[in-house]
Structure formats: C-alpha cells, structure tokens
C-alpha cells in the first residue's frame, strides 16, 4: 500500500535536536533580542523547517532565565510598554554547544532540525558539521530509494497526480543533495579557518565539545 509523502518525510526516529528552549538559545547565539524578535524568527525562519509554535517563546525564556542560561534587561519605551532584551549567558552558550555537539542524535528529514542547526554552524566545531552532513546525505540517499519505489507503485496504480508530486519531491531532494555535496567543502574550509583563528578560550571550548 502506498504511504503518503508526509509519512515519508516524518520517518526519521524519535530523538530531536531541539525543544523550544534550545531553539531560543540558538536564536540568541547570534546576539541579544527581544521576545518579539525571537517570535518573528520562529514564525518566519523556523516554520519552513520545523513544526514550531511561537507561543512557546515566552515560557521558554522564563525557564531559561530561571536556569541562568539567559539574562535580560528592561528598556523603557516612551508611550509603549517596557520591553525586555534577552542575551545568552556563558552557561547558556555552553548548554547550546553541548546539545548541538554531543547530546542527541538529530532527526534527518527534509523538514528537520538539520537545516536550522546548520544556520548556526559558525558556533560549532567543523568536525561536528561534517558529521551532520554525512548523516544527512546518507539519510537522503535512503529516502530517494524509497521515493523511487513509491513512484513506480503510483505509476502501476495510474495515480498520476501522486506520481507528479513524488517526482517533484525527488527533483527537490536531488537538487538539495547535489548542492550539499558541491558546496560543503567551502563551508568546511570557512569553519576550519574560523576555529584556527579563534582565541585560546574558544579553542579550549572546541576541545571540550568536539565529537
């Protein structure tokens, strides 16, 4: 029996890189932000890759502040309510690096944490980024084999609409994989250079989190 394309892209194991708190930490790794800024990141940047809800931002920020992983300062605004600007602490940075580099296996799907975590690759050791890409490419090859079988079955059942959608999915997967294979060398070189030029304290942090 044919499975749906939705089921196909969700077949990736139960472990996940991020919950709401880790996603908030990832956003704050780029610099201070208000809760509103983080909600916009969830809605307009994360939503194409992940099934996320912006409603979880403020509860996550409250928990992170209690745990000492973020801090905030209140800023007065004329004619408007005061706002809080959040910033990740050193402990928060260490938590993010630990989760990203050591803690769990990433899900590998075409709507997954893989795409999002690579947007902050500059904070991770090059070896970890290479490992993520190797795992993702292997996942992609396996899924392409599954898509090919589904296309054949759709053709046998004269389900032209499904065959068309599966063909588009295959073309998209092929294009993404080709790009990853061609461009990963540039990414690796840039990250290696960044780590080699890093201050001694960052170099020590790399040794701590390296896979």
C-alpha atoms as a PDB file:
ATOM      1  CA  UNK A   1       0.000   0.000   0.000  1.00  0.00           C
ATOM      2  CA  UNK A   2       1.257   3.477  -0.812  1.00  0.00           C
ATOM      3  CA  UNK A   3       2.249   5.725   2.051  1.00  0.00           C
ATOM      4  CA  UNK A   4       1.850   9.470   1.859  1.00  0.00           C
ATOM      5  CA  UNK A   5       4.727  11.867   1.228  1.00  0.00           C
ATOM      6  CA  UNK A   6       4.031  13.333   4.679  1.00  0.00           C
ATOM      7  CA  UNK A   7       4.629   9.944   6.232  1.00  0.00           C
ATOM      8  CA  UNK A   8       7.802   9.590   4.200  1.00  0.00           C
ATOM      9  CA  UNK A   9       9.406  12.785   5.440  1.00  0.00           C
ATOM     10  CA  UNK A  10       8.430  12.035   9.038  1.00  0.00           C
ATOM     11  CA  UNK A  11      10.183   8.629   9.146  1.00  0.00           C
ATOM     12  CA  UNK A  12      13.297   9.713  10.957  1.00  0.00           C
ATOM     13  CA  UNK A  13      13.446   8.400  14.510  1.00  0.00           C
ATOM     14  CA  UNK A  14      12.108   9.841  17.738  1.00  0.00           C
ATOM     15  CA  UNK A  15      15.107  11.810  19.047  1.00  0.00           C
ATOM     16  CA  UNK A  16      15.131  15.503  18.268  1.00  0.00           C
ATOM     17  CA  UNK A  17      17.838  18.132  18.486  1.00  0.00           C
ATOM     18  CA  UNK A  18      15.732  20.924  19.790  1.00  0.00           C
ATOM     19  CA  UNK A  19      12.883  21.752  22.048  1.00  0.00           C
ATOM     20  CA  UNK A  20      11.618  25.327  22.406  1.00  0.00           C
ATOM     21  CA  UNK A  21      14.315  26.275  24.902  1.00  0.00           C
ATOM     22  CA  UNK A  22      17.172  25.073  22.713  1.00  0.00           C
ATOM     23  CA  UNK A  23      15.692  26.845  19.690  1.00  0.00           C
ATOM     24  CA  UNK A  24      15.533  30.075  21.685  1.00  0.00           C
ATOM     25  CA  UNK A  25      19.165  29.609  22.723  1.00  0.00           C
ATOM     26  CA  UNK A  26      20.123  29.073  19.084  1.00  0.00           C
ATOM     27  CA  UNK A  27      18.449  32.340  18.079  1.00  0.00           C
ATOM     28  CA  UNK A  28      20.177  34.222  20.921  1.00  0.00           C
ATOM     29  CA  UNK A  29      23.575  32.821  19.906  1.00  0.00           C
ATOM     30  CA  UNK A  30      23.524  35.451  17.148  1.00  0.00           C
ATOM     31  CA  UNK A  31      23.072  38.282  19.616  1.00  0.00           C
ATOM     32  CA  UNK A  32      20.630  39.975  22.031  1.00  0.00           C
ATOM     33  CA  UNK A  33      16.968  40.019  21.043  1.00  0.00           C
ATOM     34  CA  UNK A  34      13.547  40.806  22.422  1.00  0.00           C
ATOM     35  CA  UNK A  35      10.893  38.163  22.849  1.00  0.00           C
ATOM     36  CA  UNK A  36       9.110  39.695  19.866  1.00  0.00           C
ATOM     37  CA  UNK A  37      12.253  39.333  17.730  1.00  0.00           C
ATOM     38  CA  UNK A  38      12.542  35.677  18.714  1.00  0.00           C
ATOM     39  CA  UNK A  39       8.857  35.058  17.921  1.00  0.00           C
ATOM     40  CA  UNK A  40       9.398  36.512  14.440  1.00  0.00           C
ATOM     41  CA  UNK A  41      12.354  34.152  13.991  1.00  0.00           C
ATOM     42  CA  UNK A  42      10.129  31.227  14.911  1.00  0.00           C
ATOM     43  CA  UNK A  43       7.337  32.312  12.575  1.00  0.00           C
ATOM     44  CA  UNK A  44       9.293  33.378   9.502  1.00  0.00           C
ATOM     45  CA  UNK A  45      12.588  31.452   9.662  1.00  0.00           C
ATOM     46  CA  UNK A  46      11.978  28.243  11.598  1.00  0.00           C
ATOM     47  CA  UNK A  47       8.473  27.413  10.420  1.00  0.00           C
ATOM     48  CA  UNK A  48       9.563  26.297   6.898  1.00  0.00           C
ATOM     49  CA  UNK A  49      11.881  23.750   8.533  1.00  0.00           C
ATOM     50  CA  UNK A  50      10.192  22.765  11.765  1.00  0.00           C
ATOM     51  CA  UNK A  51       6.752  22.334  13.252  1.00  0.00           C
ATOM     52  CA  UNK A  52       7.188  25.068  15.847  1.00  0.00           C
ATOM     53  CA  UNK A  53       4.858  27.371  17.710  1.00  0.00           C
ATOM     54  CA  UNK A  54       5.779  30.945  18.576  1.00  0.00           C
ATOM     55  CA  UNK A  55       3.560  30.626  21.664  1.00  0.00           C
ATOM     56  CA  UNK A  56       6.337  28.657  23.338  1.00  0.00           C
ATOM     57  CA  UNK A  57       8.863  31.506  23.191  1.00  0.00           C
ATOM     58  CA  UNK A  58       7.993  33.369  26.384  1.00  0.00           C
ATOM     59  CA  UNK A  59       7.606  30.263  28.587  1.00  0.00           C
ATOM     60  CA  UNK A  60      10.966  29.080  27.247  1.00  0.00           C
ATOM     61  CA  UNK A  61      12.573  32.450  28.003  1.00  0.00           C
ATOM     62  CA  UNK A  62      11.203  32.382  31.546  1.00  0.00           C
ATOM     63  CA  UNK A  63      12.607  28.891  32.125  1.00  0.00           C
ATOM     64  CA  UNK A  64      15.972  29.801  30.609  1.00  0.00           C
ATOM     65  CA  UNK A  65      16.216  32.900  32.823  1.00  0.00           C
ATOM     66  CA  UNK A  66      15.452  30.831  35.934  1.00  0.00           C
ATOM     67  CA  UNK A  67      18.160  28.358  34.927  1.00  0.00           C
ATOM     68  CA  UNK A  68      20.714  31.140  34.412  1.00  0.00           C
ATOM     69  CA  UNK A  69      21.059  30.386  30.715  1.00  0.00           C
ATOM     70  CA  UNK A  70      19.796  33.790  29.586  1.00  0.00           C
ATOM     71  CA  UNK A  71      19.684  37.199  31.187  1.00  0.00           C
ATOM     72  CA  UNK A  72      17.659  40.249  30.314  1.00  0.00           C
ATOM     73  CA  UNK A  73      17.462  43.988  30.831  1.00  0.00           C
ATOM     74  CA  UNK A  74      14.336  46.122  30.815  1.00  0.00           C
ATOM     75  CA  UNK A  75      14.222  49.056  28.414  1.00  0.00           C
ATOM     76  CA  UNK A  76      11.712  51.848  28.845  1.00  0.00           C
ATOM     77  CA  UNK A  77       9.801  52.970  25.763  1.00  0.00           C
ATOM     78  CA  UNK A  78       8.006  56.268  25.536  1.00  0.00           C
ATOM     79  CA  UNK A  79       4.291  55.762  25.057  1.00  0.00           C
ATOM     80  CA  UNK A  80       4.645  51.982  24.924  1.00  0.00           C
ATOM     81  CA  UNK A  81       5.110  49.180  27.457  1.00  0.00           C
ATOM     82  CA  UNK A  82       8.652  48.454  28.601  1.00  0.00           C
ATOM     83  CA  UNK A  83      10.437  45.718  26.716  1.00  0.00           C
ATOM     84  CA  UNK A  84      12.965  43.106  27.747  1.00  0.00           C
ATOM     85  CA  UNK A  85      16.122  42.463  25.769  1.00  0.00           C
ATOM     86  CA  UNK A  86      17.434  38.941  26.287  1.00  0.00           C
ATOM     87  CA  UNK A  87      21.021  37.773  25.993  1.00  0.00           C
ATOM     88  CA  UNK A  88      22.519  34.317  26.286  1.00  0.00           C
ATOM     89  CA  UNK A  89      24.910  33.814  29.216  1.00  0.00           C
ATOM     90  CA  UNK A  90      28.160  31.880  29.099  1.00  0.00           C
ATOM     91  CA  UNK A  91      26.340  28.978  30.729  1.00  0.00           C
ATOM     92  CA  UNK A  92      23.705  29.237  28.001  1.00  0.00           C
ATOM     93  CA  UNK A  93      26.354  29.141  25.287  1.00  0.00           C
ATOM     94  CA  UNK A  94      27.902  26.054  26.859  1.00  0.00           C
ATOM     95  CA  UNK A  95      24.474  24.413  27.085  1.00  0.00           C
ATOM     96  CA  UNK A  96      23.790  25.133  23.412  1.00  0.00           C
ATOM     97  CA  UNK A  97      27.163  23.738  22.335  1.00  0.00           C
ATOM     98  CA  UNK A  98      26.704  20.649  24.475  1.00  0.00           C
ATOM     99  CA  UNK A  99      23.289  19.908  22.971  1.00  0.00           C
ATOM    100  CA  UNK A 100      24.369  20.682  19.411  1.00  0.00           C
ATOM    101  CA  UNK A 101      27.598  18.721  19.541  1.00  0.00           C
ATOM    102  CA  UNK A 102      27.150  15.879  21.982  1.00  0.00           C
ATOM    103  CA  UNK A 103      23.758  15.301  23.499  1.00  0.00           C
ATOM    104  CA  UNK A 104      21.372  13.738  20.993  1.00  0.00           C
ATOM    105  CA  UNK A 105      21.054  12.383  17.517  1.00  0.00           C
ATOM    106  CA  UNK A 106      19.433  14.757  15.054  1.00  0.00           C
ATOM    107  CA  UNK A 107      16.373  13.767  13.114  1.00  0.00           C
ATOM    108  CA  UNK A 108      17.122  13.728   9.418  1.00  0.00           C
ATOM    109  CA  UNK A 109      14.187  14.772   7.301  1.00  0.00           C
ATOM    110  CA  UNK A 110      13.553  17.419   4.703  1.00  0.00           C
ATOM    111  CA  UNK A 111      11.706  19.461   7.320  1.00  0.00           C
ATOM    112  CA  UNK A 112      14.153  18.967  10.116  1.00  0.00           C
ATOM    113  CA  UNK A 113      16.458  20.450  12.696  1.00  0.00           C
ATOM    114  CA  UNK A 114      19.375  19.714  10.350  1.00  0.00           C
ATOM    115  CA  UNK A 115      18.659  22.720   8.164  1.00  0.00           C
ATOM    116  CA  UNK A 116      18.161  25.028  11.111  1.00  0.00           C
ATOM    117  CA  UNK A 117      21.219  23.914  13.091  1.00  0.00           C
ATOM    118  CA  UNK A 118      23.438  24.481  10.056  1.00  0.00           C
ATOM    119  CA  UNK A 119      22.415  28.154  10.074  1.00  0.00           C
ATOM    120  CA  UNK A 120      24.474  28.487  13.269  1.00  0.00           C
ATOM    121  CA  UNK A 121      27.336  26.260  12.085  1.00  0.00           C
ATOM    122  CA  UNK A 122      29.841  29.017  12.875  1.00  0.00           C
ATOM    123  CA  UNK A 123      29.370  28.226  16.573  1.00  0.00           C
ATOM    124  CA  UNK A 124      30.171  24.526  16.129  1.00  0.00           C
ATOM    125  CA  UNK A 125      33.381  22.558  15.543  1.00  0.00           C
ATOM    126  CA  UNK A 126      33.941  21.739  11.836  1.00  0.00           C
ATOM    127  CA  UNK A 127      34.076  18.036  12.677  1.00  0.00           C
ATOM    128  CA  UNK A 128      30.529  18.136  14.022  1.00  0.00           C
ATOM    129  CA  UNK A 129      29.242  19.950  10.929  1.00  0.00           C
ATOM    130  CA  UNK A 130      30.898  17.341   8.693  1.00  0.00           C
ATOM    131  CA  UNK A 131      29.297  14.575  10.754  1.00  0.00           C
ATOM    132  CA  UNK A 132      25.858  16.158  10.403  1.00  0.00           C
ATOM    133  CA  UNK A 133      26.255  16.485   6.633  1.00  0.00           C
ATOM    134  CA  UNK A 134      27.492  12.897   6.278  1.00  0.00           C
ATOM    135  CA  UNK A 135      24.485  11.609   8.218  1.00  0.00           C
ATOM    136  CA  UNK A 136      22.071  13.829   6.294  1.00  0.00           C
ATOM    137  CA  UNK A 137      23.416  12.716   2.883  1.00  0.00           C
ATOM    138  CA  UNK A 138      23.122   9.058   3.908  1.00  0.00           C
ATOM    139  CA  UNK A 139      19.550   9.708   5.039  1.00  0.00           C
ATOM    140  CA  UNK A 140      18.805  11.444   1.733  1.00  0.00           C
ATOM    141  CA  UNK A 141      20.112   8.537  -0.356  1.00  0.00           C
ATOM    142  CA  UNK A 142      17.957   6.094   1.607  1.00  0.00           C
ATOM    143  CA  UNK A 143      14.886   8.280   1.225  1.00  0.00           C
ATOM    144  CA  UNK A 144      15.459   8.707  -2.514  1.00  0.00           C
ATOM    145  CA  UNK A 145      15.383   4.921  -2.881  1.00  0.00           C
ATOM    146  CA  UNK A 146      12.044   4.903  -1.068  1.00  0.00           C
ATOM    147  CA  UNK A 147      10.656   7.674  -3.291  1.00  0.00           C
ATOM    148  CA  UNK A 148      11.676   5.753  -6.425  1.00  0.00           C
ATOM    149  CA  UNK A 149       9.722   2.721  -5.199  1.00  0.00           C
ATOM    150  CA  UNK A 150       6.708   4.905  -4.431  1.00  0.00           C
ATOM    151  CA  UNK A 151       6.831   6.454  -7.922  1.00  0.00           C
ATOM    152  CA  UNK A 152       6.841   3.001  -9.533  1.00  0.00           C
ATOM    153  CA  UNK A 153       3.875   1.931  -7.427  1.00  0.00           C
ATOM    154  CA  UNK A 154       1.962   5.135  -8.260  1.00  0.00           C
ATOM    155  CA  UNK A 155       2.521   4.506 -11.969  1.00  0.00           C
ATOM    156  CA  UNK A 156       1.239   0.928 -11.657  1.00  0.00           C
ATOM    157  CA  UNK A 157      -1.925   2.222  -9.993  1.00  0.00           C
ATOM    158  CA  UNK A 158      -2.391   5.032 -12.575  1.00  0.00           C
ATOM    159  CA  UNK A 159      -2.227   7.651  -9.829  1.00  0.00           C
ATOM    160  CA  UNK A 160      -0.759  10.377 -11.998  1.00  0.00           C
ATOM    161  CA  UNK A 161      -1.266  13.176  -9.507  1.00  0.00           C
ATOM    162  CA  UNK A 162       0.640  11.315  -6.820  1.00  0.00           C
ATOM    163  CA  UNK A 163       3.348  10.340  -9.291  1.00  0.00           C
ATOM    164  CA  UNK A 164       3.726  14.009 -10.230  1.00  0.00           C
ATOM    165  CA  UNK A 165       4.064  15.144  -6.603  1.00  0.00           C
ATOM    166  CA  UNK A 166       6.533  12.371  -5.829  1.00  0.00           C
ATOM    167  CA  UNK A 167       8.531  13.338  -8.908  1.00  0.00           C
ATOM    168  CA  UNK A 168       8.696  16.935  -7.700  1.00  0.00           C
ATOM    169  CA  UNK A 169       9.837  15.687  -4.314  1.00  0.00           C
ATOM    170  CA  UNK A 170      12.537  13.576  -5.944  1.00  0.00           C
ATOM    171  CA  UNK A 171      13.758  16.530  -8.032  1.00  0.00           C
ATOM    172  CA  UNK A 172      13.884  18.752  -4.962  1.00  0.00           C
ATOM    173  CA  UNK A 173      15.770  16.135  -2.950  1.00  0.00           C
ATOM    174  CA  UNK A 174      18.240  15.614  -5.798  1.00  0.00           C
ATOM    175  CA  UNK A 175      18.894  19.338  -6.103  1.00  0.00           C
ATOM    176  CA  UNK A 176      19.411  19.840  -2.369  1.00  0.00           C
ATOM    177  CA  UNK A 177      21.739  16.856  -2.156  1.00  0.00           C
ATOM    178  CA  UNK A 178      23.768  17.999  -5.165  1.00  0.00           C
ATOM    179  CA  UNK A 179      24.190  21.435  -3.629  1.00  0.00           C
ATOM    180  CA  UNK A 180      25.252  19.997  -0.264  1.00  0.00           C
ATOM    181  CA  UNK A 181      27.870  17.769  -1.901  1.00  0.00           C
ATOM    182  CA  UNK A 182      29.268  20.552  -4.110  1.00  0.00           C
ATOM    183  CA  UNK A 183      29.334  23.333  -1.519  1.00  0.00           C
ATOM    184  CA  UNK A 184      30.212  21.549   1.716  1.00  0.00           C
ATOM    185  CA  UNK A 185      33.939  21.947   1.017  1.00  0.00           C
ATOM    186  CA  UNK A 186      33.599  25.743   1.090  1.00  0.00           C
ATOM    187  CA  UNK A 187      31.675  25.583   4.353  1.00  0.00           C
ATOM    188  CA  UNK A 188      34.228  23.242   5.910  1.00  0.00           C
ATOM    189  CA  UNK A 189      37.136  25.454   4.853  1.00  0.00           C
ATOM    190  CA  UNK A 190      35.477  28.572   6.258  1.00  0.00           C
ATOM    191  CA  UNK A 191      34.656  26.892   9.572  1.00  0.00           C
ATOM    192  CA  UNK A 192      38.157  25.411   9.877  1.00  0.00           C
ATOM    193  CA  UNK A 193      39.672  28.839   9.311  1.00  0.00           C
ATOM    194  CA  UNK A 194      37.352  30.355  11.928  1.00  0.00           C
ATOM    195  CA  UNK A 195      38.361  27.773  14.535  1.00  0.00           C
ATOM    196  CA  UNK A 196      42.064  28.057  13.732  1.00  0.00           C
ATOM    197  CA  UNK A 197      41.880  31.824  14.184  1.00  0.00           C
ATOM    198  CA  UNK A 198      39.781  31.584  17.374  1.00  0.00           C
ATOM    199  CA  UNK A 199      41.083  32.958  20.703  1.00  0.00           C
ATOM    200  CA  UNK A 200      42.571  30.405  23.124  1.00  0.00           C
ATOM    201  CA  UNK A 201      39.414  30.216  25.278  1.00  0.00           C
ATOM    202  CA  UNK A 202      37.321  29.322  22.218  1.00  0.00           C
ATOM    203  CA  UNK A 203      39.925  26.748  21.168  1.00  0.00           C
ATOM    204  CA  UNK A 204      39.646  25.115  24.576  1.00  0.00           C
ATOM    205  CA  UNK A 205      35.861  25.091  24.238  1.00  0.00           C
ATOM    206  CA  UNK A 206      36.236  23.339  20.900  1.00  0.00           C
ATOM    207  CA  UNK A 207      38.290  20.576  22.535  1.00  0.00           C
ATOM    208  CA  UNK A 208      35.590  20.176  25.156  1.00  0.00           C
ATOM    209  CA  UNK A 209      32.730  19.743  22.695  1.00  0.00           C
ATOM    210  CA  UNK A 210      34.493  18.081  19.746  1.00  0.00           C
ATOM    211  CA  UNK A 211      32.977  14.784  18.649  1.00  0.00           C
END
